[in-house]
Amino acid sequence: MNNKEQLTNNNIRKNLMNVQSTNNTDIRTGNENINVELIASNEYKLSKKTTIEK
């Protein structure tokens, strides 16, 4: 790992602000809805939504 990569990794760790996860079940279908969001430094937001069908 070079110095630039190290600085980038440090900034990512330093700026990591919040990880949110919600998990709920639709009572009509029984499907499970999972939503995970990673929010870093108010500039980057990664969101993954998954539905598990029952």
PDB file of N, CA and C in Angstrom:
ATOM      1  N   MET A   1       0.851  -1.183   0.000  1.00  0.00           N
ATOM      2  CA  MET A   1       0.000   0.000   0.000  1.00  0.00           C
ATOM      3  C   MET A   1       0.890   1.238   0.000  1.00  0.00           C
ATOM      4  N   ASN A   2       0.632   2.153  -0.913  1.00  0.00           N
ATOM      5  CA  ASN A   2       1.442   3.364  -0.954  1.00  0.00           C
ATOM      6  C   ASN A   2       0.826   4.447  -0.062  1.00  0.00           C
ATOM      7  N   ASN A   3       1.552   5.560   0.059  1.00  0.00           N
ATOM      8  CA  ASN A   3       1.104   6.621   0.969  1.00  0.00           C
ATOM      9  C   ASN A   3      -0.245   7.203   0.573  1.00  0.00           C
ATOM     10  N   LYS A   4      -0.475   7.330  -0.729  1.00  0.00           N
ATOM     11  CA  LYS A   4      -1.750   7.899  -1.177  1.00  0.00           C
ATOM     12  C   LYS A   4      -2.913   6.991  -0.786  1.00  0.00           C
ATOM     13  N   GLU A   5      -2.736   5.685  -0.966  1.00  0.00           N
ATOM     14  CA  GLU A   5      -3.794   4.747  -0.576  1.00  0.00           C
ATOM     15  C   GLU A   5      -4.040   4.816   0.927  1.00  0.00           C
ATOM     16  N   GLN A   6      -2.955   4.924   1.693  1.00  0.00           N
ATOM     17  CA  GLN A   6      -3.089   4.982   3.147  1.00  0.00           C
ATOM     18  C   GLN A   6      -3.868   6.232   3.568  1.00  0.00           C
ATOM     19  N   LEU A   7      -3.549   7.363   2.958  1.00  0.00           N
ATOM     20  CA  LEU A   7      -4.265   8.597   3.281  1.00  0.00           C
ATOM     21  C   LEU A   7      -5.741   8.477   2.925  1.00  0.00           C
ATOM     22  N   THR A   8      -6.026   7.885   1.780  1.00  0.00           N
ATOM     23  CA  THR A   8      -7.421   7.703   1.374  1.00  0.00           C
ATOM     24  C   THR A   8      -8.155   6.822   2.369  1.00  0.00           C
ATOM     25  N   ASN A   9      -7.542   5.712   2.771  1.00  0.00           N
ATOM     26  CA  ASN A   9      -8.174   4.812   3.734  1.00  0.00           C
ATOM     27  C   ASN A   9      -8.400   5.504   5.070  1.00  0.00           C
ATOM     28  N   ASN A  10      -7.435   6.301   5.507  1.00  0.00           N
ATOM     29  CA  ASN A  10      -7.598   7.027   6.769  1.00  0.00           C
ATOM     30  C   ASN A  10      -8.751   8.016   6.683  1.00  0.00           C
ATOM     31  N   ASN A  11      -8.865   8.704   5.548  1.00  0.00           N
ATOM     32  CA  ASN A  11      -9.955   9.667   5.386  1.00  0.00           C
ATOM     33  C   ASN A  11     -11.308   8.974   5.382  1.00  0.00           C
ATOM     34  N   ILE A  12     -11.381   7.824   4.745  1.00  0.00           N
ATOM     35  CA  ILE A  12     -12.646   7.079   4.722  1.00  0.00           C
ATOM     36  C   ILE A  12     -13.039   6.691   6.145  1.00  0.00           C
ATOM     37  N   ARG A  13     -12.082   6.176   6.919  1.00  0.00           N
ATOM     38  CA  ARG A  13     -12.387   5.790   8.296  1.00  0.00           C
ATOM     39  C   ARG A  13     -12.780   7.005   9.132  1.00  0.00           C
ATOM     40  N   LYS A  14     -12.061   8.101   8.971  1.00  0.00           N
ATOM     41  CA  LYS A  14     -12.311   9.306   9.757  1.00  0.00           C
ATOM     42  C   LYS A  14     -13.678   9.902   9.431  1.00  0.00           C
ATOM     43  N   ASN A  15     -14.068   9.839   8.165  1.00  0.00           N
ATOM     44  CA  ASN A  15     -15.300  10.490   7.740  1.00  0.00           C
ATOM     45  C   ASN A  15     -16.539   9.609   7.868  1.00  0.00           C
ATOM     46  N   LEU A  16     -16.346   8.355   8.213  1.00  0.00           N
ATOM     47  CA  LEU A  16     -17.495   7.462   8.338  1.00  0.00           C
ATOM     48  C   LEU A  16     -18.397   7.969   9.459  1.00  0.00           C
ATOM     49  N   MET A  17     -19.615   8.292   9.110  1.00  0.00           N
ATOM     50  CA  MET A  17     -20.491   8.910  10.096  1.00  0.00           C
ATOM     51  C   MET A  17     -21.568   7.968  10.616  1.00  0.00           C
ATOM     52  N   ASN A  18     -22.123   7.177   9.745  1.00  0.00           N
ATOM     53  CA  ASN A  18     -23.322   6.475  10.177  1.00  0.00           C
ATOM     54  C   ASN A  18     -23.578   5.242   9.321  1.00  0.00           C
ATOM     55  N   VAL A  19     -23.983   4.177   9.973  1.00  0.00           N
ATOM     56  CA  VAL A  19     -24.488   3.006   9.267  1.00  0.00           C
ATOM     57  C   VAL A  19     -25.877   2.732   9.831  1.00  0.00           C
ATOM     58  N   GLN A  20     -26.855   2.714   8.963  1.00  0.00           N
ATOM     59  CA  GLN A  20     -28.229   2.499   9.400  1.00  0.00           C
ATOM     60  C   GLN A  20     -28.771   1.231   8.759  1.00  0.00           C
ATOM     61  N   SER A  21     -29.470   0.458   9.561  1.00  0.00           N
ATOM     62  CA  SER A  21     -30.069  -0.761   9.042  1.00  0.00           C
ATOM     63  C   SER A  21     -31.509  -0.854   9.531  1.00  0.00           C
ATOM     64  N   THR A  22     -32.411  -1.109   8.603  1.00  0.00           N
ATOM     65  CA  THR A  22     -33.799  -1.340   8.990  1.00  0.00           C
ATOM     66  C   THR A  22     -34.237  -2.696   8.452  1.00  0.00           C
ATOM     67  N   ASN A  23     -35.056  -3.359   9.220  1.00  0.00           N
ATOM     68  CA  ASN A  23     -35.510  -4.690   8.866  1.00  0.00           C
ATOM     69  C   ASN A  23     -36.983  -4.780   9.257  1.00  0.00           C
ATOM     70  N   ASN A  24     -37.848  -4.993   8.278  1.00  0.00           N
ATOM     71  CA  ASN A  24     -39.258  -5.127   8.617  1.00  0.00           C
ATOM     72  C   ASN A  24     -39.912  -6.193   7.749  1.00  0.00           C
ATOM     73  N   THR A  25     -41.021  -6.681   8.223  1.00  0.00           N
ATOM     74  CA  THR A  25     -41.752  -7.731   7.513  1.00  0.00           C
ATOM     75  C   THR A  25     -43.110  -7.194   7.077  1.00  0.00           C
ATOM     76  N   ASP A  26     -43.414  -7.395   5.814  1.00  0.00           N
ATOM     77  CA  ASP A  26     -44.721  -7.008   5.270  1.00  0.00           C
ATOM     78  C   ASP A  26     -45.740  -8.032   5.761  1.00  0.00           C
ATOM     79  N   ILE A  27     -46.698  -7.595   6.578  1.00  0.00           N
ATOM     80  CA  ILE A  27     -47.626  -8.563   7.177  1.00  0.00           C
ATOM     81  C   ILE A  27     -48.579  -9.169   6.153  1.00  0.00           C
ATOM     82  N   ARG A  28     -48.763  -8.490   5.013  1.00  0.00           N
ATOM     83  CA  ARG A  28     -49.662  -9.031   3.989  1.00  0.00           C
ATOM     84  C   ARG A  28     -49.017 -10.187   3.232  1.00  0.00           C
ATOM     85  N   THR A  29     -47.723 -10.025   2.899  1.00  0.00           N
ATOM     86  CA  THR A  29     -47.051 -11.035   2.076  1.00  0.00           C
ATOM     87  C   THR A  29     -46.107 -11.923   2.881  1.00  0.00           C
ATOM     88  N   GLY A  30     -45.684 -11.444   4.059  1.00  0.00           N
ATOM     89  CA  GLY A  30     -44.688 -12.184   4.829  1.00  0.00           C
ATOM     90  C   GLY A  30     -43.275 -11.933   4.345  1.00  0.00           C
ATOM     91  N   ASN A  31     -43.123 -11.105   3.294  1.00  0.00           N
ATOM     92  CA  ASN A  31     -41.788 -10.804   2.783  1.00  0.00           C
ATOM     93  C   ASN A  31     -41.023  -9.933   3.780  1.00  0.00           C
ATOM     94  N   GLU A  32     -39.732 -10.175   3.866  1.00  0.00           N
ATOM     95  CA  GLU A  32     -38.878  -9.421   4.775  1.00  0.00           C
ATOM     96  C   GLU A  32     -38.093  -8.382   3.976  1.00  0.00           C
ATOM     97  N   ASN A  33     -38.188  -7.131   4.377  1.00  0.00           N
ATOM     98  CA  ASN A  33     -37.494  -6.034   3.703  1.00  0.00           C
ATOM     99  C   ASN A  33     -36.310  -5.578   4.551  1.00  0.00           C
ATOM    100  N   ILE A  34     -35.131  -5.569   3.953  1.00  0.00           N
ATOM    101  CA  ILE A  34     -33.915  -5.162   4.649  1.00  0.00           C
ATOM    102  C   ILE A  34     -33.298  -4.001   3.884  1.00  0.00           C
ATOM    103  N   ASN A  35     -32.993  -2.934   4.592  1.00  0.00           N
ATOM    104  CA  ASN A  35     -32.370  -1.766   3.979  1.00  0.00           C
ATOM    105  C   ASN A  35     -31.151  -1.371   4.811  1.00  0.00           C
ATOM    106  N   VAL A  36     -29.997  -1.313   4.179  1.00  0.00           N
ATOM    107  CA  VAL A  36     -28.775  -0.908   4.869  1.00  0.00           C
ATOM    108  C   VAL A  36     -28.208   0.308   4.159  1.00  0.00           C
ATOM    109  N   GLU A  37     -27.902   1.356   4.917  1.00  0.00           N
ATOM    110  CA  GLU A  37     -27.313   2.571   4.360  1.00  0.00           C
ATOM    111  C   GLU A  37     -26.013   2.886   5.085  1.00  0.00           C
ATOM    112  N   LEU A  38     -24.999   3.210   4.317  1.00  0.00           N
ATOM    113  CA  LEU A  38     -23.731   3.666   4.865  1.00  0.00           C
ATOM    114  C   LEU A  38     -23.555   5.108   4.410  1.00  0.00           C
ATOM    115  N   ILE A  39     -23.438   6.002   5.360  1.00  0.00           N
ATOM    116  CA  ILE A  39     -23.344   7.427   5.043  1.00  0.00           C
ATOM    117  C   ILE A  39     -21.993   7.936   5.535  1.00  0.00           C
ATOM    118  N   ALA A  40     -21.203   8.492   4.626  1.00  0.00           N
ATOM    119  CA  ALA A  40     -19.876   8.984   4.992  1.00  0.00           C
ATOM    120  C   ALA A  40     -19.729  10.435   4.565  1.00  0.00           C
ATOM    121  N   SER A  41     -19.347  11.268   5.469  1.00  0.00           N
ATOM    122  CA  SER A  41     -18.948  12.668   5.250  1.00  0.00           C
ATOM    123  C   SER A  41     -19.970  13.488   4.469  1.00  0.00           C
ATOM    124  N   ASN A  42     -21.215  13.105   4.522  1.00  0.00           N
ATOM    125  CA  ASN A  42     -22.306  13.818   3.839  1.00  0.00           C
ATOM    126  C   ASN A  42     -22.122  13.906   2.328  1.00  0.00           C
ATOM    127  N   GLU A  43     -21.109  13.267   1.788  1.00  0.00           N
ATOM    128  CA  GLU A  43     -20.881  13.297   0.349  1.00  0.00           C
ATOM    129  C   GLU A  43     -21.196  11.957  -0.292  1.00  0.00           C
ATOM    130  N   TYR A  44     -21.004  10.904   0.454  1.00  0.00           N
ATOM    131  CA  TYR A  44     -21.152   9.566  -0.099  1.00  0.00           C
ATOM    132  C   TYR A  44     -22.236   8.832   0.670  1.00  0.00           C
ATOM    133  N   LYS A  45     -23.093   8.168  -0.072  1.00  0.00           N
ATOM    134  CA  LYS A  45     -24.139   7.367   0.557  1.00  0.00           C
ATOM    135  C   LYS A  45     -24.306   6.097  -0.257  1.00  0.00           C
ATOM    136  N   LEU A  46     -24.113   4.978   0.395  1.00  0.00           N
ATOM    137  CA  LEU A  46     -24.317   3.692  -0.246  1.00  0.00           C
ATOM    138  C   LEU A  46     -25.574   3.078   0.355  1.00  0.00           C
ATOM    139  N   SER A  47     -26.435   2.587  -0.494  1.00  0.00           N
ATOM    140  CA  SER A  47     -27.682   2.013  -0.021  1.00  0.00           C
ATOM    141  C   SER A  47     -27.905   0.663  -0.689  1.00  0.00           C
ATOM    142  N   LYS A  48     -28.290  -0.320   0.110  1.00  0.00           N
ATOM    143  CA  LYS A  48     -28.579  -1.652  -0.416  1.00  0.00           C
ATOM    144  C   LYS A  48     -29.927  -2.091   0.130  1.00  0.00           C
ATOM    145  N   LYS A  49     -30.848  -2.375  -0.766  1.00  0.00           N
ATOM    146  CA  LYS A  49     -32.173  -2.837  -0.360  1.00  0.00           C
ATOM    147  C   LYS A  49     -32.364  -4.268  -0.829  1.00  0.00           C
ATOM    148  N   THR A  50     -32.833  -5.091   0.073  1.00  0.00           N
ATOM    149  CA  THR A  50     -33.035  -6.507  -0.231  1.00  0.00           C
ATOM    150  C   THR A  50     -34.421  -6.928   0.243  1.00  0.00           C
ATOM    151  N   THR A  51     -35.101  -7.708  -0.557  1.00  0.00           N
ATOM    152  CA  THR A  51     -36.374  -8.294  -0.140  1.00  0.00           C
ATOM    153  C   THR A  51     -36.240  -9.807  -0.170  1.00  0.00           C
ATOM    154  N   ILE A  52     -36.567 -10.428   0.954  1.00  0.00           N
ATOM    155  CA  ILE A  52     -36.560 -11.888   1.033  1.00  0.00           C
ATOM    156  C   ILE A  52     -38.010 -12.344   0.923  1.00  0.00           C
ATOM    157  N   GLU A  53     -38.318 -13.020  -0.163  1.00  0.00           N
ATOM    158  CA  GLU A  53     -39.696 -13.460  -0.373  1.00  0.00           C
ATOM    159  C   GLU A  53     -39.941 -14.763   0.363  1.00  0.00           C
ATOM    160  N   LYS A  54     -41.063 -14.807   1.062  1.00  0.00           N
ATOM    161  CA  LYS A  54     -41.416 -15.998   1.850  1.00  0.00           C
ATOM    162  C   LYS A  54     -42.352 -16.889   1.058  1.00  0.00           C
TER     163      LYS A  54
END
